[in-house]
Amino acid sequence: MITVVIADRMGKGQNVAKGVEAAGGKAVVVPGMGADMRLGDVMQQENADMGISFCGSGGAGALTAANKYGYPERHGMRSIEEGITAIKDGKTVLGFGFMDQEELGKRLTEEFIKKHGK
C-alpha cells in the first residue's frame, strides 16, 4: 500500500484523502494552516511514497519538500492530467493550486500504483 501525504495551505485536503483511500492508498492529511510548508517533514516521518501540496500558486510546499529533502517535484499544476504526467515523469511531490477533489486523489494514486507497482 502506498502512503500519500496531503498538505494544503488552508488545512484542507480531506476530499483528496477520500480519493487516495478509494484507490487503495493510505492518506495522511497534514493538519492546520500553512500545512503545505510541512509536506516534506511529514513525508519523512511517514516514510511516504508521494506528497501532494496545495496553495494559491501551487508551488511553495512542493518546492520546500524538494529543496529540503531532494524529492523530485513538479509544481504550478492546475489539472489532474498534469499530475498524471508528472507521475509518469517520475515526480513524487506534486504541487497544485487549490483542488481538494476526490477524483484528484483517486486518479493520482492509481497512476502512482500503476507506475511503481505498489
Protein backbone atom coordinates (compact mmCIF):
# COMPACT_ATOMS: atom_id res chain seq x y z
CA MET A 1 0.00 0.00 0.00
CA ILE A 2 1.33 3.43 -0.86
CA THR A 3 1.30 6.30 1.62
CA VAL A 4 0.31 9.72 0.31
CA VAL A 5 0.79 12.88 2.37
CA ILE A 6 -1.63 15.71 1.57
CA ALA A 7 -0.73 19.22 2.70
CA ASP A 8 -2.99 22.19 1.99
CA ARG A 9 -2.15 25.82 2.82
CA MET A 10 -5.66 26.23 4.31
CA GLY A 11 -5.58 22.96 6.27
CA LYS A 12 -7.91 21.13 3.88
CA GLY A 13 -7.32 18.01 1.78
CA GLN A 14 -9.96 15.68 3.18
CA ASN A 15 -11.61 15.15 -0.23
CA VAL A 16 -8.29 14.25 -1.86
CA ALA A 17 -7.71 11.84 1.05
CA LYS A 18 -11.01 10.07 0.29
CA GLY A 19 -9.84 9.54 -3.29
CA VAL A 20 -6.45 8.21 -2.19
CA GLU A 21 -8.18 5.70 0.08
CA ALA A 22 -10.70 4.76 -2.63
CA ALA A 23 -7.74 3.84 -4.86
CA GLY A 24 -6.22 1.66 -2.13
CA GLY A 25 -3.69 4.07 -0.66
CA LYS A 26 -3.13 5.34 2.86
CA ALA A 27 -3.78 9.09 3.14
CA VAL A 28 -2.13 11.33 5.73
CA VAL A 29 -3.60 14.85 5.87
CA VAL A 30 -1.28 17.41 7.47
CA PRO A 31 -3.45 19.49 9.84
CA GLY A 32 -3.58 23.25 10.27
CA MET A 33 -2.95 26.45 8.38
CA GLY A 34 0.29 26.51 6.40
CA ALA A 35 0.35 22.70 6.26
CA ASP A 36 1.89 22.80 2.77
CA MET A 37 5.15 24.08 4.23
CA ARG A 38 5.43 20.91 6.37
CA LEU A 39 4.87 18.47 3.48
CA GLY A 40 8.45 17.19 3.25
CA ASP A 41 8.79 16.84 7.02
CA VAL A 42 5.63 14.71 7.28
CA MET A 43 6.64 12.67 4.22
CA GLN A 44 9.89 11.83 6.03
CA GLN A 45 8.06 10.94 9.28
CA GLU A 46 5.56 8.71 7.46
CA ASN A 47 8.10 7.23 5.01
CA ALA A 48 5.62 8.34 2.33
CA ASP A 49 5.69 7.38 -1.32
CA MET A 50 4.05 10.54 -2.68
CA GLY A 51 3.23 14.04 -1.49
CA ILE A 52 0.56 16.41 -2.75
CA SER A 53 0.73 20.09 -1.88
CA PHE A 54 -1.95 22.74 -2.38
CA CYS A 55 -1.66 26.51 -2.19
CA GLY A 56 -2.63 29.50 -4.29
CA SER A 57 0.42 29.28 -6.56
CA GLY A 58 0.74 25.50 -6.34
CA GLY A 59 4.44 25.67 -5.59
CA ALA A 60 5.52 26.59 -2.08
CA GLY A 61 5.11 23.24 -0.32
CA ALA A 62 6.37 21.19 -3.25
CA LEU A 63 9.47 23.36 -3.68
CA THR A 64 10.19 23.32 0.06
CA ALA A 65 9.96 19.50 0.15
CA ALA A 66 12.24 19.24 -2.88
CA ASN A 67 14.81 21.71 -1.54
CA LYS A 68 14.91 20.24 1.96
CA TYR A 69 14.79 16.52 1.14
CA GLY A 70 15.56 16.18 -2.57
CA TYR A 71 12.17 14.84 -3.65
CA PRO A 72 11.62 15.12 -7.42
CA GLU A 73 8.82 17.64 -7.78
CA ARG A 74 6.59 19.44 -10.24
CA HIS A 75 4.61 22.48 -9.18
CA GLY A 76 2.16 25.05 -10.51
CA MET A 77 -0.23 22.38 -11.77
CA ARG A 78 -3.92 23.07 -12.27
CA SER A 79 -5.33 19.79 -13.61
CA ILE A 80 -5.43 16.09 -12.84
CA GLU A 81 -3.86 15.36 -16.24
CA GLU A 82 -0.81 17.48 -15.37
CA GLY A 83 -0.41 15.46 -12.18
CA ILE A 84 -0.64 12.16 -14.05
CA THR A 85 2.03 13.34 -16.50
CA ALA A 86 4.27 14.37 -13.57
CA ILE A 87 3.96 10.89 -12.04
CA LYS A 88 4.79 9.30 -15.41
CA ASP A 89 7.86 11.58 -15.49
CA GLY A 90 9.00 10.21 -12.11
CA LYS A 91 7.90 13.04 -9.80
CA THR A 92 6.89 12.10 -6.26
CA VAL A 93 5.94 15.55 -4.93
CA LEU A 94 3.15 17.30 -6.77
CA GLY A 95 2.20 20.95 -6.25
CA PHE A 96 -1.26 22.16 -7.24
CA GLY A 97 -3.38 25.25 -6.90
CA PHE A 98 -6.33 24.68 -4.58
CA MET A 99 -8.02 21.47 -5.85
CA ASP A 100 -9.43 19.49 -2.91
CA GLN A 101 -11.16 16.94 -5.15
CA GLU A 102 -11.73 13.26 -4.51
CA GLU A 103 -11.11 12.44 -8.19
CA LEU A 104 -7.65 14.06 -8.00
CA GLY A 105 -6.57 11.82 -5.11
CA LYS A 106 -8.02 8.70 -6.71
CA ARG A 107 -6.50 9.15 -10.16
CA LEU A 108 -3.07 10.21 -8.93
CA THR A 109 -2.89 7.25 -6.55
CA GLU A 110 -4.00 4.84 -9.28
CA GLU A 111 -1.33 6.24 -11.62
CA PHE A 112 1.39 6.01 -8.93
CA ILE A 113 0.47 2.37 -8.22
CA LYS A 114 0.47 1.60 -11.96
CA LYS A 115 3.91 3.17 -12.47
CA HIS A 116 5.61 1.83 -9.35
CA GLY A 117 3.76 -1.48 -8.91
CA LYS A 118 2.93 -0.95 -5.24
